[in-house]
Amino acid sequence: MSAQRGARTRGGDDRPLPENTMPTPSGAGALTAPTDTDTDTARPGPGAGPGPGPGTSSSPVEIARSRQDADRVTLRGVGPWPGGRGSWPDGEHLDPELLESGDHRNVEDRYRYWRMSSIREDLRRRSQGFEIAVENLGHDFNIGSIVRTANALGASRVHVVGRRRWNRRGAMVTDRYMDVDHLPDAASLATDARERGLTLVGIDNVEGSEPLEGADLPERVVLVFGEESGGLSDQMLAECDRVLHISQHGSTRSMNVGHAAAIAMWAWVTGHEGCRGGANSGRAADGNH
């Protein structure tokens, strides 16, 4: 499945890289080493603003290659808006500080130079509509990864159930751009969901669960995940309207809960494709963010 009744595993290392200072050219691309987790590897794309194109001698990539004197140099984000203040575009959604200094956050190119509040508002408008809940009984390190995936796939909200403090490391600051709330226990989640007409669907490989493959997932749903070591708690299982599992074909008892959550979210999105305008509809995911 998904919920983890197997041994704990260590996730990927999200620690910032050592700072390798590189010159920052003016124009669309800025050369920096990552200094915090709210940075994203730059990729050419719409919305990045004008600047030298790939293959020219003055492109940021060529400058990086010619000046590279460290073990690892990464092209990140976009620099100040070219041309100075006089050429800044109009729009209340744009942040003057980012236009002035550049935007090196972990955001899609469409949101370069946008205010955080404007990004949050746009994501709410474009959300797919499904919600996520994850139990936080032992400060599970996977919660951050689940929040990040929920953001990427257009979830409208994430509920952290149990402990209020959760491990944000894997979220890569994506929790700043979407609604993440806290509920004290499974009963509180169930009451909230039913009052709003949402179905609780647990994801766990427990006795009596049904295969996720081919399951008809409700449009108005909260997908519920447990912790890495124990899966869904007995209290949460009792509150779920349905429990599904991800069929496995290897020797392991379970898969990482962060991976299982991604599979379940993707199953919902593909099953309801075209029903709503998604926040990232048509965009390919990659591992460079």
Protein backbone atom coordinates (compact mmCIF):
# COMPACT_ATOMS: atom_id res chain seq x y z
CA MET A 1 0.00 0.00 0.00
CA SER A 2 0.72 3.02 1.01
CA ALA A 3 0.38 3.37 4.61
CA GLN A 4 3.37 2.24 6.35
CA ARG A 5 3.27 -0.75 8.51
CA GLY A 6 6.85 -1.54 7.50
CA ALA A 7 10.17 -0.25 8.73
CA ARG A 8 10.94 3.43 8.70
CA THR A 9 12.96 4.68 5.78
CA ARG A 10 14.95 7.83 5.36
CA GLY A 11 13.73 10.30 2.79
CA GLY A 12 15.78 12.42 0.41
CA ASP A 13 18.19 14.97 1.75
CA ASP A 14 16.62 18.43 1.45
CA ARG A 15 19.45 20.27 3.18
CA PRO A 16 20.62 23.43 1.39
CA LEU A 17 23.81 23.08 -0.56
CA PRO A 18 26.94 24.94 0.55
CA GLU A 19 27.00 28.49 -0.68
CA ASN A 20 29.13 28.81 -3.82
CA THR A 21 29.06 32.46 -4.68
CA MET A 22 28.82 33.19 -8.37
CA PRO A 23 28.38 36.49 -10.23
CA THR A 24 24.74 37.43 -10.88
CA PRO A 25 24.19 38.80 -14.39
CA SER A 26 21.36 41.19 -15.07
CA GLY A 27 18.60 39.78 -17.21
CA ALA A 28 16.16 36.93 -16.85
CA GLY A 29 18.47 34.42 -15.13
CA ALA A 30 20.42 34.77 -11.91
CA LEU A 31 23.40 32.64 -10.96
CA THR A 32 23.38 31.70 -7.30
CA ALA A 33 23.86 28.69 -5.10
CA PRO A 34 20.82 27.68 -3.04
CA THR A 35 20.79 29.37 0.34
CA ASP A 36 17.42 28.13 1.59
CA THR A 37 14.69 25.71 0.64
CA ASP A 38 12.52 28.30 -1.12
CA THR A 39 14.58 28.19 -4.33
CA ASP A 40 13.97 26.43 -7.60
CA THR A 41 16.15 25.40 -10.48
CA ALA A 42 15.34 27.78 -13.32
CA ARG A 43 13.95 26.38 -16.54
CA PRO A 44 13.18 28.39 -19.64
CA GLY A 45 9.47 29.06 -19.78
CA PRO A 46 6.76 31.65 -20.24
CA GLY A 47 6.54 34.37 -17.68
CA ALA A 48 10.24 34.48 -16.91
CA GLY A 49 10.62 37.89 -18.50
CA PRO A 50 12.83 38.94 -21.41
CA GLY A 51 16.48 38.12 -21.43
CA PRO A 52 19.24 36.52 -23.48
CA GLY A 53 18.18 33.25 -25.06
CA PRO A 54 19.82 29.83 -24.85
CA GLY A 55 22.82 29.30 -27.08
CA THR A 56 23.96 32.94 -27.11
CA SER A 57 27.33 33.84 -25.70
CA SER A 58 25.73 36.03 -23.04
CA SER A 59 23.14 33.49 -21.83
CA PRO A 60 23.22 32.71 -18.08
CA VAL A 61 24.05 29.06 -18.78
CA GLU A 62 27.07 29.96 -20.92
CA ILE A 63 28.26 32.46 -18.31
CA ALA A 64 27.96 29.79 -15.62
CA ARG A 65 29.97 27.31 -17.66
CA SER A 66 32.70 29.76 -18.51
CA ARG A 67 33.10 30.99 -14.93
CA GLN A 68 32.57 27.74 -13.08
CA ASP A 69 35.26 27.29 -10.44
CA ALA A 70 33.33 25.29 -7.82
CA ASP A 71 32.26 21.69 -7.60
CA ARG A 72 28.58 22.54 -8.00
CA VAL A 73 26.96 25.58 -9.58
CA THR A 74 23.22 25.85 -10.12
CA LEU A 75 21.20 28.24 -12.26
CA ARG A 76 18.26 29.37 -10.18
CA GLY A 77 15.28 31.64 -10.54
CA VAL A 78 15.21 34.91 -12.41
CA GLY A 79 17.11 38.13 -11.85
CA PRO A 80 15.77 41.68 -11.59
CA TRP A 81 13.27 42.67 -14.27
CA PRO A 82 15.41 43.83 -17.22
CA GLY A 83 15.48 47.53 -17.95
CA GLY A 84 14.97 48.85 -14.45
CA ARG A 85 11.95 50.45 -12.82
CA GLY A 86 10.92 52.28 -15.96
CA SER A 87 10.19 49.00 -17.74
CA TRP A 88 8.33 47.25 -14.92
CA PRO A 89 4.96 45.77 -15.95
CA ASP A 90 1.76 46.91 -14.25
CA GLY A 91 -0.28 44.69 -11.96
CA GLU A 92 -1.30 44.56 -8.31
CA HIS A 93 -0.26 40.90 -8.25
CA LEU A 94 3.41 41.82 -8.85
CA ASP A 95 5.83 42.39 -5.98
CA PRO A 96 8.04 45.48 -6.44
CA GLU A 97 10.75 43.99 -4.25
CA LEU A 98 10.99 40.90 -6.47
CA LEU A 99 10.98 43.00 -9.64
CA GLU A 100 13.84 45.00 -8.12
CA SER A 101 15.94 42.14 -6.73
CA GLY A 102 14.93 39.03 -8.67
CA ASP A 103 12.82 35.99 -7.80
CA HIS A 104 14.59 32.81 -6.66
CA ARG A 105 11.62 31.08 -5.01
CA ASN A 106 10.43 27.53 -5.65
CA VAL A 107 7.51 28.55 -7.87
CA GLU A 108 6.34 27.86 -11.42
CA ASP A 109 7.51 30.34 -14.06
CA ARG A 110 3.94 31.64 -14.34
CA TYR A 111 4.27 32.99 -10.78
CA ARG A 112 7.62 34.73 -11.15
CA TYR A 113 7.58 38.17 -9.50
CA TRP A 114 4.09 37.56 -8.02
CA ARG A 115 3.22 38.49 -4.44
CA MET A 116 2.77 35.47 -2.19
CA SER A 117 -0.80 36.52 -1.38
CA SER A 118 -1.60 36.68 -5.10
CA ILE A 119 -0.19 33.18 -5.67
CA ARG A 120 -2.29 31.81 -2.80
CA GLU A 121 -5.42 33.43 -4.21
CA ASP A 122 -4.76 32.07 -7.69
CA LEU A 123 -4.10 28.55 -6.39
CA ARG A 124 -7.38 28.60 -4.48
CA ARG A 125 -9.19 29.60 -7.65
CA ARG A 126 -7.46 26.93 -9.76
CA SER A 127 -7.40 24.10 -7.21
CA GLN A 128 -8.59 20.65 -8.27
CA GLY A 129 -10.94 20.46 -5.29
CA PHE A 130 -9.75 17.34 -3.45
CA GLU A 131 -8.31 17.60 0.06
CA ILE A 132 -5.61 15.71 1.96
CA ALA A 133 -5.39 14.69 5.61
CA VAL A 134 -2.33 13.17 7.24
CA GLU A 135 -1.96 11.92 10.78
CA ASN A 136 0.83 13.48 12.80
CA LEU A 137 1.18 11.29 15.86
CA GLY A 138 4.98 11.04 15.98
CA HIS A 139 6.33 14.03 14.02
CA ASP A 140 6.61 12.00 10.79
CA PHE A 141 9.20 13.44 8.40
CA ASN A 142 7.04 12.46 5.39
CA ILE A 143 4.38 15.11 6.07
CA GLY A 144 6.42 17.82 4.37
CA SER A 145 6.77 15.70 1.24
CA ILE A 146 3.03 15.03 1.20
CA VAL A 147 2.28 18.76 1.51
CA ARG A 148 4.63 19.51 -1.38
CA THR A 149 2.94 16.91 -3.61
CA ALA A 150 -0.50 18.18 -2.60
CA ASN A 151 0.55 21.64 -3.73
CA ALA A 152 1.95 20.32 -7.01
CA LEU A 153 -1.18 18.33 -7.88
CA GLY A 154 -3.66 21.05 -6.97
CA ALA A 155 -5.14 19.95 -3.64
CA SER A 156 -7.30 22.67 -2.15
CA ARG A 157 -6.31 22.02 1.47
CA VAL A 158 -4.16 19.85 3.73
CA HIS A 159 -5.28 18.86 7.24
CA VAL A 160 -2.61 17.87 9.76
CA VAL A 161 -4.34 15.66 12.32
CA GLY A 162 -2.87 15.12 15.78
CA ARG A 163 0.16 17.11 16.87
CA ARG A 164 0.08 20.74 15.83
CA ARG A 165 3.80 21.00 15.07
CA TRP A 166 4.84 19.07 11.99
CA ASN A 167 8.09 18.50 10.12
CA ARG A 168 8.12 21.15 7.38
CA ARG A 169 11.53 20.23 5.99
CA GLY A 170 10.30 18.30 2.95
CA ALA A 171 7.60 20.84 2.10
CA MET A 172 10.15 23.15 0.44
CA VAL A 173 8.08 26.15 1.62
CA THR A 174 5.05 25.06 -0.46
CA ASP A 175 2.89 25.28 2.69
CA ARG A 176 3.14 29.07 2.45
CA TYR A 177 1.16 29.03 -0.78
CA MET A 178 -1.80 26.83 0.21
CA ASP A 179 -4.17 26.24 3.11
CA VAL A 180 -2.71 23.89 5.74
CA ASP A 181 -4.76 23.61 8.92
CA HIS A 182 -4.67 21.58 12.13
CA LEU A 183 -7.28 19.27 13.63
CA PRO A 184 -6.74 17.59 17.00
CA ASP A 185 -8.01 14.08 16.20
CA ALA A 186 -9.77 11.78 13.76
CA ALA A 187 -13.23 12.61 15.09
CA SER A 188 -12.66 16.32 14.45
CA LEU A 189 -11.60 15.59 10.86
CA ALA A 190 -14.67 13.41 10.29
CA THR A 191 -17.02 16.07 11.67
CA ASP A 192 -15.45 18.80 9.54
CA ALA A 193 -15.57 16.68 6.37
CA ARG A 194 -19.17 15.55 6.79
CA GLU A 195 -20.39 19.04 7.56
CA ARG A 196 -18.96 20.09 4.19
CA GLY A 197 -20.20 17.05 2.29
CA LEU A 198 -16.78 15.42 1.83
CA THR A 199 -16.06 11.68 1.85
CA LEU A 200 -13.15 10.35 3.89
CA VAL A 201 -11.14 7.79 1.90
CA GLY A 202 -8.25 6.21 3.78
CA ILE A 203 -5.21 4.81 1.97
CA ASP A 204 -3.74 1.80 3.78
CA ASN A 205 -3.01 -1.85 3.12
CA VAL A 206 -5.16 -3.21 5.91
CA GLU A 207 -7.51 -6.18 5.97
CA GLY A 208 -10.74 -5.37 4.17
CA SER A 209 -9.29 -2.54 2.06
CA GLU A 210 -10.07 -2.41 -1.66
CA PRO A 211 -7.60 -1.88 -4.54
CA LEU A 212 -7.06 1.73 -5.55
CA GLU A 213 -6.71 0.62 -9.17
CA GLY A 214 -10.09 0.94 -10.81
CA ALA A 215 -11.75 2.45 -7.74
CA ASP A 216 -14.27 5.20 -8.36
CA LEU A 217 -12.95 8.03 -6.20
CA PRO A 218 -15.54 10.65 -5.19
CA GLU A 219 -15.09 14.16 -6.57
CA ARG A 220 -15.61 15.69 -3.11
CA VAL A 221 -13.07 13.74 -1.11
CA VAL A 222 -10.45 13.89 1.61
CA LEU A 223 -7.68 11.36 0.96
CA VAL A 224 -6.37 10.28 4.37
CA PHE A 225 -2.86 8.98 5.10
CA GLY A 226 -1.27 7.58 8.23
CA GLU A 227 2.26 7.60 9.53
CA GLU A 228 5.31 5.86 8.12
CA SER A 229 5.65 3.26 10.88
CA GLY A 230 2.04 2.45 11.71
CA GLY A 231 -0.24 3.52 8.89
CA LEU A 232 -3.70 4.81 9.74
CA SER A 233 -4.60 4.73 13.41
CA ASP A 234 -7.51 2.57 14.58
CA GLN A 235 -9.42 5.77 15.36
CA MET A 236 -8.91 7.10 11.84
CA LEU A 237 -9.80 3.78 10.21
CA ALA A 238 -13.08 3.81 12.11
CA GLU A 239 -13.92 7.28 10.74
CA CYS A 240 -13.09 6.57 7.08
CA ASP A 241 -15.99 5.88 4.73
CA ARG A 242 -13.76 3.67 2.59
CA VAL A 243 -10.21 2.34 2.77
CA LEU A 244 -8.21 1.63 -0.39
CA HIS A 245 -4.78 0.11 -0.91
CA ILE A 246 -2.17 0.28 -3.67
CA SER A 247 -1.51 -3.20 -5.04
CA GLN A 248 2.14 -4.25 -4.76
CA HIS A 249 4.06 -6.83 -6.73
CA GLY A 250 7.35 -7.11 -4.84
CA SER A 251 8.57 -8.51 -1.53
CA THR A 252 8.20 -5.46 0.73
CA ARG A 253 5.28 -5.25 3.14
CA SER A 254 4.66 -1.58 2.36
CA MET A 255 5.93 1.44 0.48
CA ASN A 256 6.90 4.87 1.78
CA VAL A 257 3.82 6.85 2.79
CA GLY A 258 4.99 9.92 0.85
CA HIS A 259 5.21 7.85 -2.33
CA ALA A 260 1.85 6.22 -1.65
CA ALA A 261 0.26 9.63 -1.15
CA ALA A 262 1.63 10.82 -4.49
CA ILE A 263 0.21 7.75 -6.26
CA ALA A 264 -3.22 8.20 -4.66
CA MET A 265 -3.37 11.92 -5.46
CA TRP A 266 -2.34 11.25 -9.06
CA ALA A 267 -5.05 8.59 -9.31
CA TRP A 268 -7.66 11.13 -8.19
CA VAL A 269 -6.39 13.82 -10.56
CA THR A 270 -6.32 11.54 -13.60
CA GLY A 271 -9.73 10.14 -12.73
CA HIS A 272 -11.27 13.62 -12.59
CA GLU A 273 -9.25 15.25 -15.36
CA GLY A 274 -11.30 17.86 -17.16
CA CYS A 275 -13.78 18.29 -14.31
CA ARG A 276 -12.03 21.36 -12.95
CA GLY A 277 -9.26 23.73 -14.05
CA GLY A 278 -6.22 22.53 -12.16
CA ALA A 279 -3.52 24.76 -10.77
CA ASN A 280 -0.87 22.99 -12.83
CA SER A 281 -3.00 21.43 -15.55
CA GLY A 282 -0.83 20.34 -18.47
CA ARG A 283 2.49 21.00 -16.72
CA ALA A 284 5.00 18.15 -16.52
CA ALA A 285 6.46 17.34 -13.13
CA ASP A 286 10.21 16.85 -12.82
CA GLY A 287 12.66 16.19 -10.04
CA ASN A 288 14.57 19.47 -10.35
CA HIS A 289 12.29 21.67 -8.24
